[in-house]
Amino acid sequence: MSNRSLVSISDYNKEEILEILDAAADFEANPNRSTLKGKVIATLFFEPSTRTRLSFETAVLRLGGSVIGFSDAATSSSVKGETLNDTIRMVSCYADAIVMRHPFEGAARYAAEISPVPIINAGDGANQHPSQTLLDLYSILKTQGTLDNLKICVAGDLKYGRTVHSLIMAMSYFHPSFRFIAPEELKLNEEYRIFCLRNNIPFEETTELNENINDADILYMTRVQRERFQDLMEYERVKNVYTLKNSMLENTKPNLRILHPLPRVAEISPDVDKNEKAYYFQQAQNGLYIRQAIISKVLSI
């Protein structure tokens, strides 16, 4: 295993992705170890998080390591005007690796370029969220028994949804076909359409949810992210554009599983939760094992 940062899902090739998934299965079978004894991991969350931060911190603690950091930028010296450069250089003096979430696209790449210790990108604006994507792949593999030749429907905020962007790139190794479901205001960015075309990934686009999920193996729902909108009137127009209800699943494939990076707002009705096709809470749990695997990889453990 190489000692390096994880900034984009493209930092890992197919073999390394499969290596992470195999390691996650091993950690799921035995999550409590002492392999990080004596190691300190910093979690720097300049943007709010629940699942990502807590699963990373739990991953460290279950492996015997220690955690330092902050969960709110307002409690850090950035409110005093400290630059990201200085924050990273300072924290790297105390930690063996840094997990960072930041609202600005490219912040994680910049941090990786200046940091003497590995950086793990826990989300940078609307850009990338590679650890989420790896747990998504692990969830898909566990529920489908394969990553190959799957029909994946992705619905909601495809413009700002960094989990969607990373998922498209990661699945390119496994011959998927995509159906992108979004209102005009939140359609997939042009660069990811081009990515699909260049990598011979079949895709179609629609604005309708309902019957467009019936042939899917995976339905990946996403939240319309209020924090990404500069125009709140635009947010109000699209915030409740899709709501998945239990009745809409009657004609879907038996193997369909519903994923969501969470938190959800109104895009999945609570009546879906008891359906056997709902997998988003198990998906969140899978994040623990994936993040144990990622931390071990960047530290060459």
Protein backbone atom coordinates (compact mmCIF):
# COMPACT_ATOMS: atom_id res chain seq x y z
CA MET A 1 0.00 0.00 0.00
CA SER A 2 1.31 3.42 -0.91
CA ASN A 3 1.49 6.33 1.51
CA ARG A 4 -0.44 9.11 -0.20
CA SER A 5 -3.44 11.39 0.05
CA LEU A 6 -6.94 10.58 -1.17
CA VAL A 7 -8.31 13.75 -2.75
CA SER A 8 -10.30 12.45 -5.72
CA ILE A 9 -11.66 9.00 -6.48
CA SER A 10 -9.44 9.17 -9.58
CA ASP A 11 -6.44 8.93 -7.25
CA TYR A 12 -7.20 5.20 -7.03
CA ASN A 13 -7.17 2.86 -9.99
CA LYS A 14 -9.48 -0.14 -10.33
CA GLU A 15 -7.14 -2.48 -8.48
CA GLU A 16 -6.79 -0.07 -5.56
CA ILE A 17 -10.55 0.41 -5.35
CA LEU A 18 -11.06 -3.35 -5.18
CA GLU A 19 -8.28 -3.54 -2.59
CA ILE A 20 -10.15 -1.03 -0.42
CA LEU A 21 -13.41 -2.98 -0.78
CA ASP A 22 -11.67 -6.22 0.21
CA ALA A 23 -10.10 -4.52 3.21
CA ALA A 24 -13.49 -3.11 4.24
CA ALA A 25 -14.98 -6.61 4.26
CA ASP A 26 -12.11 -7.70 6.50
CA PHE A 27 -12.73 -4.77 8.85
CA GLU A 28 -16.46 -5.50 8.90
CA ALA A 29 -15.68 -9.00 10.14
CA ASN A 30 -13.35 -7.60 12.82
CA PRO A 31 -13.59 -3.80 13.29
CA ASN A 32 -11.87 -3.63 16.70
CA ARG A 33 -8.07 -3.75 16.44
CA SER A 34 -4.98 -1.93 17.68
CA THR A 35 -3.32 -1.19 14.35
CA LEU A 36 -3.45 2.58 14.87
CA LYS A 37 -2.07 2.50 18.41
CA GLY A 38 0.17 5.54 18.84
CA LYS A 39 -1.27 7.25 15.74
CA VAL A 40 -3.12 10.57 15.82
CA ILE A 41 -5.64 11.51 13.12
CA ALA A 42 -6.88 15.10 12.77
CA THR A 43 -10.44 15.72 11.58
CA LEU A 44 -10.82 19.27 10.27
CA PHE A 45 -14.44 19.99 9.37
CA PHE A 46 -14.82 23.52 8.03
CA GLU A 47 -18.34 22.48 6.96
CA PRO A 48 -21.02 20.62 8.97
CA SER A 49 -21.06 16.84 8.97
CA THR A 50 -22.58 14.03 11.00
CA ARG A 51 -22.01 10.64 9.34
CA THR A 52 -18.69 11.40 7.66
CA ARG A 53 -17.06 12.94 10.71
CA LEU A 54 -18.40 10.44 13.22
CA SER A 55 -17.59 7.42 11.06
CA PHE A 56 -14.02 8.62 10.47
CA GLU A 57 -13.54 9.29 14.18
CA THR A 58 -15.10 5.94 15.13
CA ALA A 59 -12.88 4.22 12.57
CA VAL A 60 -9.79 5.68 14.26
CA LEU A 61 -10.95 4.87 17.78
CA ARG A 62 -11.88 1.27 16.90
CA LEU A 63 -8.38 0.80 15.50
CA GLY A 64 -6.77 2.09 18.68
CA GLY A 65 -5.79 5.55 17.46
CA SER A 66 -6.53 9.03 18.78
CA VAL A 67 -8.48 11.91 17.25
CA ILE A 68 -7.94 15.66 17.39
CA GLY A 69 -9.58 18.46 15.42
CA PHE A 70 -12.76 20.48 15.18
CA SER A 71 -16.30 20.00 13.90
CA ASP A 72 -17.06 23.69 13.37
CA ALA A 73 -14.79 26.20 11.66
CA ALA A 74 -16.11 28.82 14.08
CA THR A 75 -14.11 27.12 16.83
CA SER A 76 -10.87 27.23 14.82
CA SER A 77 -8.39 30.02 14.16
CA SER A 78 -9.82 30.46 10.66
CA VAL A 79 -12.30 32.91 12.22
CA LYS A 80 -9.25 34.98 13.22
CA GLY A 81 -8.06 35.03 9.63
CA GLU A 82 -5.69 32.07 9.66
CA THR A 83 -5.17 30.77 6.14
CA LEU A 84 -5.78 27.17 5.09
CA ASN A 85 -2.06 26.95 4.35
CA ASP A 86 -1.14 27.81 7.92
CA THR A 87 -3.84 25.58 9.42
CA ILE A 88 -2.65 22.54 7.47
CA ARG A 89 1.02 23.16 8.21
CA MET A 90 0.28 23.62 11.90
CA VAL A 91 -2.01 20.58 12.30
CA SER A 92 0.42 18.37 10.37
CA CYS A 93 2.88 18.94 13.21
CA TYR A 94 0.50 17.10 15.54
CA ALA A 95 -1.14 14.41 13.40
CA ASP A 96 -0.15 11.45 11.24
CA ALA A 97 -2.97 12.13 8.74
CA ILE A 98 -5.63 14.77 8.22
CA VAL A 99 -9.28 14.21 7.28
CA MET A 100 -10.70 17.47 5.93
CA ARG A 101 -14.06 18.77 4.76
CA HIS A 102 -14.11 22.23 3.23
CA PRO A 103 -16.75 24.29 1.40
CA PHE A 104 -14.40 25.36 -1.41
CA GLU A 105 -13.74 23.18 -4.43
CA GLY A 106 -10.06 22.36 -4.74
CA ALA A 107 -9.29 22.95 -1.06
CA ALA A 108 -8.38 19.30 -0.47
CA ARG A 109 -6.02 19.20 -3.46
CA TYR A 110 -4.32 22.37 -2.23
CA ALA A 111 -4.00 20.91 1.27
CA ALA A 112 -2.46 17.71 -0.13
CA GLU A 113 0.13 19.72 -2.05
CA ILE A 114 1.39 21.52 1.06
CA SER A 115 0.90 18.88 3.76
CA PRO A 116 3.75 16.60 4.84
CA VAL A 117 1.14 14.05 6.03
CA PRO A 118 -1.62 12.39 3.99
CA ILE A 119 -4.85 14.30 3.39
CA ILE A 120 -8.18 12.48 3.09
CA ASN A 121 -10.82 14.54 1.34
CA ALA A 122 -14.10 14.34 3.26
CA GLY A 123 -15.82 16.59 0.72
CA ASP A 124 -14.71 19.80 -0.97
CA GLY A 125 -17.66 21.94 -2.04
CA ALA A 126 -19.56 20.48 -4.98
CA ASN A 127 -16.45 18.74 -6.27
CA GLN A 128 -15.58 15.30 -4.82
CA HIS A 129 -16.35 13.02 -1.88
CA PRO A 130 -14.18 9.94 -2.49
CA SER A 131 -14.70 8.13 0.82
CA GLN A 132 -18.47 8.35 0.33
CA THR A 133 -18.05 6.87 -3.13
CA LEU A 134 -16.02 3.95 -1.82
CA LEU A 135 -18.69 3.15 0.76
CA ASP A 136 -21.29 3.47 -2.02
CA LEU A 137 -19.35 0.91 -4.08
CA TYR A 138 -19.09 -1.37 -1.07
CA SER A 139 -22.85 -1.08 -0.54
CA ILE A 140 -23.54 -1.83 -4.20
CA LEU A 141 -21.22 -4.84 -4.12
CA LYS A 142 -22.82 -6.20 -0.95
CA THR A 143 -26.37 -5.85 -2.26
CA GLN A 144 -25.85 -6.88 -5.88
CA GLY A 145 -23.00 -9.37 -5.55
CA THR A 146 -21.14 -7.53 -8.33
CA LEU A 147 -20.18 -4.08 -9.55
CA ASP A 148 -20.32 -5.02 -13.20
CA ASN A 149 -22.97 -4.16 -15.80
CA LEU A 150 -25.47 -2.52 -13.45
CA LYS A 151 -28.26 -0.07 -14.27
CA ILE A 152 -27.97 2.88 -11.91
CA CYS A 153 -30.57 5.63 -11.62
CA VAL A 154 -29.37 8.79 -9.93
CA ALA A 155 -32.02 11.31 -8.90
CA GLY A 156 -32.08 14.80 -7.42
CA ASP A 157 -29.25 17.31 -7.27
CA LEU A 158 -26.82 16.21 -9.96
CA LYS A 159 -25.32 19.68 -10.45
CA TYR A 160 -23.98 20.25 -6.94
CA GLY A 161 -24.03 16.65 -5.71
CA ARG A 162 -20.36 15.77 -5.16
CA THR A 163 -21.26 12.18 -4.27
CA VAL A 164 -22.80 11.79 -7.73
CA HIS A 165 -19.70 13.15 -9.46
CA SER A 166 -17.39 10.76 -7.62
CA LEU A 167 -19.75 7.80 -8.18
CA ILE A 168 -19.77 8.31 -11.96
CA MET A 169 -15.98 8.32 -12.06
CA ALA A 170 -15.58 5.26 -9.86
CA MET A 171 -18.20 3.16 -11.66
CA SER A 172 -16.50 3.82 -15.01
CA TYR A 173 -14.32 0.76 -14.35
CA PHE A 174 -17.33 -1.56 -14.13
CA HIS A 175 -19.38 -1.01 -17.33
CA PRO A 176 -22.49 0.64 -15.84
CA SER A 177 -25.36 2.39 -17.56
CA PHE A 178 -26.81 5.50 -15.96
CA ARG A 179 -30.14 7.24 -15.97
CA PHE A 180 -29.80 10.78 -14.65
CA ILE A 181 -33.04 12.16 -13.19
CA ALA A 182 -33.02 15.87 -12.36
CA PRO A 183 -34.91 19.10 -13.01
CA GLU A 184 -33.38 21.39 -15.60
CA GLU A 185 -31.85 23.61 -12.90
CA LEU A 186 -29.96 20.67 -11.36
CA LYS A 187 -28.92 18.68 -14.43
CA LEU A 188 -25.58 16.96 -14.50
CA ASN A 189 -22.60 19.21 -15.21
CA GLU A 190 -21.27 19.14 -18.74
CA GLU A 191 -17.86 17.82 -17.65
CA TYR A 192 -19.43 14.62 -16.33
CA ARG A 193 -21.49 14.14 -19.48
CA ILE A 194 -18.23 14.42 -21.42
CA PHE A 195 -16.61 11.98 -19.01
CA CYS A 196 -19.34 9.42 -19.73
CA LEU A 197 -18.99 9.89 -23.47
CA ARG A 198 -15.20 9.57 -23.40
CA ASN A 199 -15.43 6.41 -21.31
CA ASN A 200 -18.22 4.84 -23.39
CA ILE A 201 -20.67 4.87 -20.47
CA PRO A 202 -24.27 4.72 -21.73
CA PHE A 203 -26.52 7.30 -20.11
CA GLU A 204 -29.85 9.00 -20.56
CA GLU A 205 -31.39 12.05 -18.93
CA THR A 206 -34.95 12.72 -17.83
CA THR A 207 -36.86 14.98 -15.47
CA GLU A 208 -39.36 12.30 -14.36
CA LEU A 209 -38.84 9.87 -11.46
CA ASN A 210 -41.77 7.40 -11.18
CA GLU A 211 -41.63 4.76 -13.96
CA ASN A 212 -37.99 5.58 -14.76
CA ILE A 213 -36.81 3.55 -11.76
CA ASN A 214 -38.52 0.28 -12.68
CA ASP A 215 -35.55 -1.25 -14.53
CA ALA A 216 -32.88 -0.07 -12.09
CA ASP A 217 -30.56 -2.21 -9.99
CA ILE A 218 -29.58 0.80 -7.86
CA LEU A 219 -31.59 3.95 -7.19
CA TYR A 220 -29.30 6.64 -5.80
CA MET A 221 -31.36 9.47 -4.31
CA THR A 222 -29.76 12.79 -3.39
CA ARG A 223 -30.72 15.83 -1.36
CA VAL A 224 -31.19 19.23 -2.96
CA GLN A 225 -28.45 21.07 -1.11
CA ARG A 226 -29.60 24.44 0.14
CA GLU A 227 -26.05 25.41 1.13
CA ARG A 228 -24.87 25.27 -2.51
CA PHE A 229 -27.41 27.79 -3.81
CA GLN A 230 -26.55 31.46 -4.09
CA ASP A 231 -30.11 32.20 -5.21
CA LEU A 232 -32.53 31.00 -2.51
CA MET A 233 -35.48 31.56 -4.83
CA GLU A 234 -34.00 28.93 -7.14
CA TYR A 235 -33.66 26.57 -4.18
CA GLU A 236 -37.29 27.08 -3.22
CA ARG A 237 -38.38 26.15 -6.75
CA VAL A 238 -36.60 22.82 -6.76
CA LYS A 239 -36.23 21.73 -3.12
CA ASN A 240 -39.15 19.28 -3.16
CA VAL A 241 -39.01 18.28 -6.81
CA TYR A 242 -38.84 14.53 -6.05
CA THR A 243 -40.21 12.45 -3.20
CA LEU A 244 -39.76 8.69 -3.38
CA LYS A 245 -42.76 6.91 -1.86
CA ASN A 246 -43.23 3.26 -1.02
CA SER A 247 -46.03 2.88 -3.56
CA MET A 248 -43.60 3.86 -6.33
CA LEU A 249 -41.53 0.70 -5.69
CA GLU A 250 -44.25 -1.84 -6.53
CA ASN A 251 -43.04 -2.48 -10.09
CA THR A 252 -39.32 -2.23 -9.45
CA LYS A 253 -36.88 -5.15 -9.74
CA PRO A 254 -36.58 -7.50 -6.75
CA ASN A 255 -32.86 -6.75 -6.46
CA LEU A 256 -33.31 -2.96 -6.44
CA ARG A 257 -31.63 -1.23 -3.53
CA ILE A 258 -32.11 2.43 -2.64
CA LEU A 259 -29.04 4.37 -1.61
CA HIS A 260 -28.73 7.91 -0.26
CA PRO A 261 -25.62 9.64 1.12
CA LEU A 262 -27.80 11.28 3.80
CA PRO A 263 -29.00 13.48 5.37
CA ARG A 264 -32.36 13.30 3.67
CA VAL A 265 -34.93 16.05 3.78
CA ALA A 266 -38.09 15.23 1.81
CA GLU A 267 -36.73 13.19 -1.09
CA ILE A 268 -37.43 9.80 0.54
CA SER A 269 -40.70 9.37 2.41
CA PRO A 270 -40.43 7.65 5.81
CA ASP A 271 -42.80 4.95 4.54
CA VAL A 272 -39.93 3.64 2.39
CA ASP A 273 -37.77 2.87 5.43
CA LYS A 274 -39.43 -0.49 6.17
CA ASN A 275 -39.20 -1.66 2.57
CA GLU A 276 -36.51 -4.32 2.11
CA LYS A 277 -35.21 -2.33 -0.85
CA ALA A 278 -34.23 0.58 1.40
CA TYR A 279 -30.52 0.33 2.17
CA TYR A 280 -29.42 3.85 3.13
CA PHE A 281 -28.97 3.24 6.87
CA GLN A 282 -26.90 0.10 6.25
CA GLN A 283 -25.01 2.15 3.66
CA ALA A 284 -24.09 4.66 6.37
CA GLN A 285 -22.85 1.84 8.61
CA ASN A 286 -20.65 0.58 5.78
CA GLY A 287 -18.86 3.92 5.97
CA LEU A 288 -17.12 2.82 9.16
CA TYR A 289 -15.41 -0.16 7.52
CA ILE A 290 -14.50 1.71 4.36
CA ARG A 291 -12.95 4.54 6.35
CA GLN A 292 -10.96 2.09 8.43
CA ALA A 293 -9.62 0.72 5.14
CA ILE A 294 -8.84 4.19 3.75
CA ILE A 295 -6.98 5.35 6.87
CA SER A 296 -4.96 2.14 6.90
CA LYS A 297 -4.09 2.58 3.24
CA VAL A 298 -2.89 6.19 3.43
CA LEU A 299 -0.75 5.28 6.44
CA SER A 300 0.59 2.12 4.76
CA ILE A 301 -0.69 -0.07 7.58
